[in-house]
N, C-alpha and C. Protein backbone atom coordinates (compact mmCIF):
# COMPACT_ATOMS: atom_id res chain seq x y z
N MET A 1 -4.92 14.56 2.27
CA MET A 1 -6.32 14.31 1.64
C MET A 1 -7.01 15.84 1.60
N LEU A 2 -7.27 16.40 2.76
CA LEU A 2 -7.87 17.54 2.75
C LEU A 2 -7.64 18.60 1.88
N ARG A 3 -6.17 18.78 1.34
CA ARG A 3 -5.65 19.58 0.49
C ARG A 3 -6.00 19.37 -0.87
N ALA A 4 -6.53 18.15 -1.26
CA ALA A 4 -7.14 17.90 -2.32
C ALA A 4 -8.49 18.44 -2.67
N GLU A 5 -9.16 18.83 -1.47
CA GLU A 5 -10.36 19.61 -1.65
C GLU A 5 -10.42 21.09 -2.10
N LEU A 6 -9.08 21.42 -2.06
CA LEU A 6 -8.83 22.99 -2.31
C LEU A 6 -8.39 22.99 -3.94
N THR A 7 -8.74 24.39 -4.32
CA THR A 7 -8.27 24.79 -5.70
C THR A 7 -6.63 24.74 -5.46
N ARG A 8 -6.17 24.74 -6.71
CA ARG A 8 -4.63 24.94 -7.14
C ARG A 8 -4.29 26.00 -6.44
N GLU A 9 -4.93 27.15 -6.42
CA GLU A 9 -4.49 28.62 -5.70
C GLU A 9 -4.37 28.56 -4.49
N GLU A 10 -5.44 27.67 -3.82
CA GLU A 10 -5.27 27.74 -2.45
C GLU A 10 -4.20 26.76 -1.90
N VAL A 11 -3.67 25.73 -2.66
CA VAL A 11 -2.54 24.97 -2.15
C VAL A 11 -1.70 25.75 -2.71
N ALA A 12 -0.95 26.67 -1.84
CA ALA A 12 0.19 27.60 -2.29
C ALA A 12 1.66 27.07 -1.85
N ASP A 13 1.47 26.33 -0.85
CA ASP A 13 2.64 25.64 -0.23
C ASP A 13 2.59 24.16 0.01
N PRO A 14 3.69 23.55 -0.04
CA PRO A 14 3.75 22.01 0.59
C PRO A 14 3.93 22.21 2.20
N LEU A 15 3.42 21.16 2.94
CA LEU A 15 3.68 21.34 4.09
C LEU A 15 5.18 20.68 4.44
N PRO A 16 5.53 20.80 5.66
CA PRO A 16 7.03 20.65 6.00
C PRO A 16 7.41 19.04 6.02
N ALA A 17 8.53 19.03 5.49
CA ALA A 17 8.93 17.57 5.30
C ALA A 17 8.67 16.90 6.69
N LEU A 18 8.22 15.69 6.48
CA LEU A 18 8.23 14.88 7.89
C LEU A 18 9.20 13.61 7.65
N THR A 19 9.13 13.21 6.31
CA THR A 19 9.97 12.13 5.98
C THR A 19 10.86 12.44 4.78
N GLY A 20 11.53 11.61 4.22
CA GLY A 20 12.16 11.73 2.81
C GLY A 20 11.08 11.34 1.79
N ASN A 21 10.01 10.89 1.91
CA ASN A 21 8.95 10.65 1.23
C ASN A 21 8.02 11.81 1.07
N THR A 22 8.01 12.66 2.10
CA THR A 22 6.83 13.84 2.24
C THR A 22 7.11 14.87 0.78
N LEU A 23 6.01 15.20 0.30
CA LEU A 23 5.86 15.76 -1.03
C LEU A 23 6.49 17.21 -0.74
N VAL A 24 7.27 17.81 -1.23
CA VAL A 24 7.69 19.09 -0.84
C VAL A 24 7.87 19.96 -2.28
N SER A 25 7.61 19.61 -3.35
CA SER A 25 7.55 20.21 -4.58
C SER A 25 6.04 20.37 -4.66
N LEU A 26 5.76 21.81 -4.91
CA LEU A 26 4.48 22.35 -5.40
C LEU A 26 3.85 21.43 -6.42
N GLU A 27 4.64 21.47 -7.48
CA GLU A 27 4.31 20.82 -8.60
C GLU A 27 3.71 19.42 -8.38
N VAL A 28 4.28 18.68 -7.64
CA VAL A 28 4.47 17.26 -7.27
C VAL A 28 2.93 17.08 -6.42
N LEU A 29 2.92 18.07 -5.43
CA LEU A 29 1.80 18.04 -4.58
C LEU A 29 0.56 18.38 -5.29
N HIS A 30 0.68 19.46 -6.50
CA HIS A 30 -0.69 19.63 -6.97
C HIS A 30 -1.11 18.25 -7.80
N GLU A 31 -0.04 17.61 -8.37
CA GLU A 31 -0.47 16.19 -9.07
C GLU A 31 -0.76 15.36 -8.34
N ALA A 32 -0.40 15.15 -6.95
CA ALA A 32 -0.91 14.48 -5.95
C ALA A 32 -2.54 14.71 -5.61
N CYS A 33 -2.67 15.98 -5.60
CA CYS A 33 -4.09 16.29 -5.31
C CYS A 33 -4.78 15.95 -6.28
N ALA A 34 -4.41 16.25 -7.51
CA ALA A 34 -5.38 15.90 -8.84
C ALA A 34 -5.81 14.45 -8.80
N ALA A 35 -4.63 13.56 -8.79
CA ALA A 35 -4.77 11.87 -8.57
C ALA A 35 -5.90 11.54 -7.42
N THR A 36 -5.61 12.43 -6.23
CA THR A 36 -6.56 11.97 -5.29
C THR A 36 -8.04 12.17 -5.57
N ARG A 37 -8.05 13.30 -6.13
CA ARG A 37 -9.60 13.64 -6.76
C ARG A 37 -10.23 12.94 -7.76
N GLU A 38 -9.26 12.23 -8.58
CA GLU A 38 -9.70 11.52 -9.33
C GLU A 38 -9.99 9.93 -8.76
N ARG A 39 -9.21 9.54 -8.01
CA ARG A 39 -9.53 8.19 -7.38
C ARG A 39 -10.58 8.31 -6.41
N GLY A 40 -10.89 9.31 -5.79
CA GLY A 40 -11.96 9.45 -4.73
C GLY A 40 -11.26 9.30 -3.50
N CYS A 41 -10.04 8.97 -3.21
CA CYS A 41 -9.36 8.79 -1.95
C CYS A 41 -7.57 9.00 -2.15
N ALA A 42 -7.23 9.27 -1.04
CA ALA A 42 -5.74 9.65 -0.97
C ALA A 42 -5.03 8.21 -0.63
N ALA A 43 -3.68 8.39 -1.18
CA ALA A 43 -2.97 7.17 -0.60
C ALA A 43 -1.41 7.76 -0.63
N GLU A 44 -0.62 7.49 0.35
CA GLU A 44 0.47 7.77 0.75
C GLU A 44 1.57 6.64 1.27
N VAL A 45 2.74 6.65 0.95
CA VAL A 45 3.66 5.64 1.55
C VAL A 45 4.86 6.46 2.14
N GLU A 46 4.76 6.32 3.32
CA GLU A 46 5.96 6.76 4.47
C GLU A 46 6.15 8.41 4.24
N GLU A 47 5.24 9.07 3.75
CA GLU A 47 5.29 10.55 3.73
C GLU A 47 4.91 11.17 5.10
N SER A 48 4.55 10.67 5.78
CA SER A 48 4.09 11.16 7.28
C SER A 48 4.64 10.56 8.57
N ALA A 49 5.13 9.18 8.03
CA ALA A 49 5.88 8.35 9.17
C ALA A 49 6.70 7.28 8.83
N PRO A 50 7.87 7.25 8.95
CA PRO A 50 8.56 5.64 8.28
C PRO A 50 7.69 4.60 8.61
N GLY A 51 7.81 3.56 7.55
CA GLY A 51 7.08 2.44 7.95
C GLY A 51 5.69 2.02 7.83
N VAL A 52 5.05 3.42 7.59
CA VAL A 52 3.49 3.57 7.63
C VAL A 52 2.99 4.17 6.22
N ARG A 53 2.03 3.36 5.75
CA ARG A 53 1.09 3.90 4.61
C ARG A 53 -0.10 4.01 4.88
N CYS A 54 -0.70 4.91 4.30
CA CYS A 54 -2.22 5.55 4.66
C CYS A 54 -3.06 5.75 3.55
N VAL A 55 -4.18 5.21 3.55
CA VAL A 55 -5.26 5.71 2.46
C VAL A 55 -6.40 6.29 3.42
N ALA A 56 -6.82 7.46 2.70
CA ALA A 56 -7.86 8.19 3.41
C ALA A 56 -8.83 8.84 2.37
N ALA A 57 -10.05 9.25 2.90
CA ALA A 57 -11.23 9.49 2.12
C ALA A 57 -11.52 10.61 2.90
N VAL A 58 -12.05 11.62 2.09
CA VAL A 58 -12.90 12.88 2.90
C VAL A 58 -14.25 12.53 2.97
N VAL A 59 -14.94 13.12 4.19
CA VAL A 59 -16.28 12.92 4.28
C VAL A 59 -16.84 14.31 3.50
N PRO A 60 -17.62 13.83 2.58
CA PRO A 60 -18.23 14.99 1.51
C PRO A 60 -19.18 15.56 2.29
N CYS A 61 -19.03 16.40 3.30
CA CYS A 61 -20.28 16.81 3.89
C CYS A 61 -20.11 18.57 3.77
N ARG A 62 -18.87 18.93 3.78
CA ARG A 62 -18.60 20.25 3.58
C ARG A 62 -17.61 20.77 2.63
N LEU A 63 -17.85 22.19 2.17
CA LEU A 63 -17.13 22.45 1.01
C LEU A 63 -16.20 23.45 1.44
N PRO A 64 -14.87 23.59 1.36
CA PRO A 64 -14.16 22.37 0.91
C PRO A 64 -14.37 21.34 2.43
N GLY A 65 -13.78 20.24 2.19
CA GLY A 65 -13.89 19.21 3.16
C GLY A 65 -13.12 19.63 4.43
N THR A 66 -13.55 19.11 5.56
CA THR A 66 -12.71 19.65 6.84
C THR A 66 -12.42 18.09 7.52
N ASP A 67 -13.23 17.32 7.12
CA ASP A 67 -13.13 15.80 8.08
C ASP A 67 -12.52 14.49 6.94
N ALA A 68 -12.24 13.80 7.49
CA ALA A 68 -11.78 12.59 6.69
C ALA A 68 -11.52 11.24 7.62
N ILE A 69 -11.56 10.24 7.16
CA ILE A 69 -11.45 9.03 7.64
C ILE A 69 -10.21 8.26 7.16
N SER A 70 -9.33 7.75 7.79
CA SER A 70 -7.99 7.00 7.01
C SER A 70 -7.70 5.64 7.83
N CYS A 71 -7.08 5.13 7.09
CA CYS A 71 -6.67 3.80 7.26
C CYS A 71 -4.97 3.79 7.40
N SER A 72 -4.33 3.55 8.48
CA SER A 72 -2.98 3.40 8.27
C SER A 72 -2.70 2.20 8.33
N MET A 73 -1.52 1.62 7.59
CA MET A 73 -1.07 0.15 7.66
C MET A 73 0.37 0.20 7.34
N PRO A 74 0.90 -0.83 7.87
CA PRO A 74 2.64 -1.12 7.79
C PRO A 74 2.95 -1.32 6.50
N VAL A 75 3.83 -0.76 6.14
CA VAL A 75 4.39 -0.70 4.82
C VAL A 75 4.95 -2.22 4.32
N ASP A 76 5.50 -2.82 5.46
CA ASP A 76 6.06 -4.13 5.15
C ASP A 76 5.08 -5.25 5.08
N GLN A 77 3.64 -4.73 5.52
CA GLN A 77 2.84 -6.06 5.52
C GLN A 77 1.69 -5.54 4.70
N THR A 78 1.77 -4.36 3.71
CA THR A 78 0.62 -4.28 2.77
C THR A 78 1.34 -4.02 1.53
N THR A 79 0.63 -4.35 0.49
CA THR A 79 0.98 -4.39 -1.04
C THR A 79 0.29 -3.28 -1.42
N ASP A 80 0.76 -2.64 -2.50
CA ASP A 80 0.16 -1.72 -3.39
C ASP A 80 -1.48 -1.90 -3.59
N ALA A 81 -1.78 -3.22 -4.10
CA ALA A 81 -3.00 -3.70 -4.47
C ALA A 81 -3.73 -3.73 -3.09
N GLN A 82 -3.37 -4.05 -2.05
CA GLN A 82 -4.15 -4.06 -0.76
C GLN A 82 -4.57 -2.81 -0.45
N ALA A 83 -3.49 -1.89 -0.62
CA ALA A 83 -3.98 -0.48 -0.11
C ALA A 83 -4.95 0.12 -1.04
N ARG A 84 -4.80 0.06 -2.42
CA ARG A 84 -5.72 0.35 -3.32
C ARG A 84 -7.26 -0.18 -3.03
N GLU A 85 -7.29 -1.46 -2.53
CA GLU A 85 -8.46 -2.03 -2.38
C GLU A 85 -9.07 -1.72 -0.91
N THR A 86 -8.43 -0.97 -0.23
CA THR A 86 -8.75 -0.54 1.12
C THR A 86 -9.56 0.99 0.77
N GLY A 87 -9.17 1.54 0.00
CA GLY A 87 -9.32 2.93 -0.46
C GLY A 87 -10.91 2.80 -1.05
N GLU A 88 -11.56 2.11 -1.93
CA GLU A 88 -12.83 2.09 -2.30
C GLU A 88 -13.75 1.79 -1.35
N PRO A 89 -13.75 0.94 -0.33
CA PRO A 89 -14.75 0.85 0.89
C PRO A 89 -14.54 2.07 1.70
N LEU A 90 -13.39 2.59 1.74
CA LEU A 90 -13.28 3.68 2.65
C LEU A 90 -13.94 5.14 2.08
N ALA A 91 -13.90 5.10 0.64
CA ALA A 91 -14.40 6.37 0.22
C ALA A 91 -15.91 5.96 0.10
N GLU A 92 -16.62 4.91 0.22
CA GLU A 92 -17.92 4.64 0.03
C GLU A 92 -18.43 4.64 1.77
N ALA A 93 -17.56 4.61 2.64
CA ALA A 93 -18.06 4.47 4.10
C ALA A 93 -18.13 6.10 4.44
N THR A 94 -17.35 6.90 3.75
CA THR A 94 -17.42 8.48 4.21
C THR A 94 -18.44 9.05 3.44
N THR A 95 -18.83 8.41 2.18
CA THR A 95 -19.99 9.02 1.38
C THR A 95 -21.33 8.55 2.31
N ASP A 96 -21.30 7.55 2.88
CA ASP A 96 -22.40 7.22 3.47
C ASP A 96 -22.54 7.90 4.89
N LEU A 97 -21.37 8.28 5.57
CA LEU A 97 -21.48 8.99 6.49
C LEU A 97 -21.89 10.46 6.41
N ALA A 98 -21.59 11.14 5.02
CA ALA A 98 -22.00 12.37 4.82
C ALA A 98 -23.40 12.51 4.80
N HIS A 99 -23.73 11.56 4.07
CA HIS A 99 -25.60 11.17 3.82
C HIS A 99 -26.20 11.48 5.31
N ARG A 100 -25.68 10.49 6.03
CA ARG A 100 -26.48 10.29 7.52
C ARG A 100 -26.42 11.63 8.12
N LEU A 101 -25.01 12.29 7.95
CA LEU A 101 -24.87 13.51 8.94
C LEU A 101 -25.85 14.47 8.04
N ARG A 102 -25.93 14.65 7.11
CA ARG A 102 -26.87 15.42 6.48
C ARG A 102 -28.25 15.14 6.88
N ARG A 103 -28.75 14.03 6.80
CA ARG A 103 -30.37 13.64 7.42
C ARG A 103 -30.34 14.12 9.00
N ALA A 104 -29.18 14.11 9.43
CA ALA A 104 -29.42 14.47 11.03
C ALA A 104 -29.18 15.87 11.27
N GLY A 105 -29.08 16.57 10.14
CA GLY A 105 -28.94 18.00 10.02
C GLY A 105 -27.56 18.56 10.55
N ILE A 106 -26.55 17.70 10.61
CA ILE A 106 -25.21 18.11 10.61
C ILE A 106 -24.70 18.50 9.15
N ARG A 107 -24.21 19.93 9.52
CA ARG A 107 -23.45 20.38 8.00
C ARG A 107 -22.01 21.00 8.38
């Protein structure tokens, strides 16, 4: 998620593979980052851990983003649609949190 906040040039290499679904191709990683920026939240299925999918949204308080909130769900109990439905309120919550942090003088 936080890598999507970086420019294409700043994302110079993929992270080490943790599972067979981890994005190891730099081109695929760039495409995933672009899709994350478009959606406003990141979504992955078993890229970090087998049996787990995750949706995450950056807290838009710093540039580039340094903080995010995520929701992990069991793959066998969550549909793609349910994961997408989780992303929107998560992105709204992180935006609200960023506003509250700024009002409190936290940047």
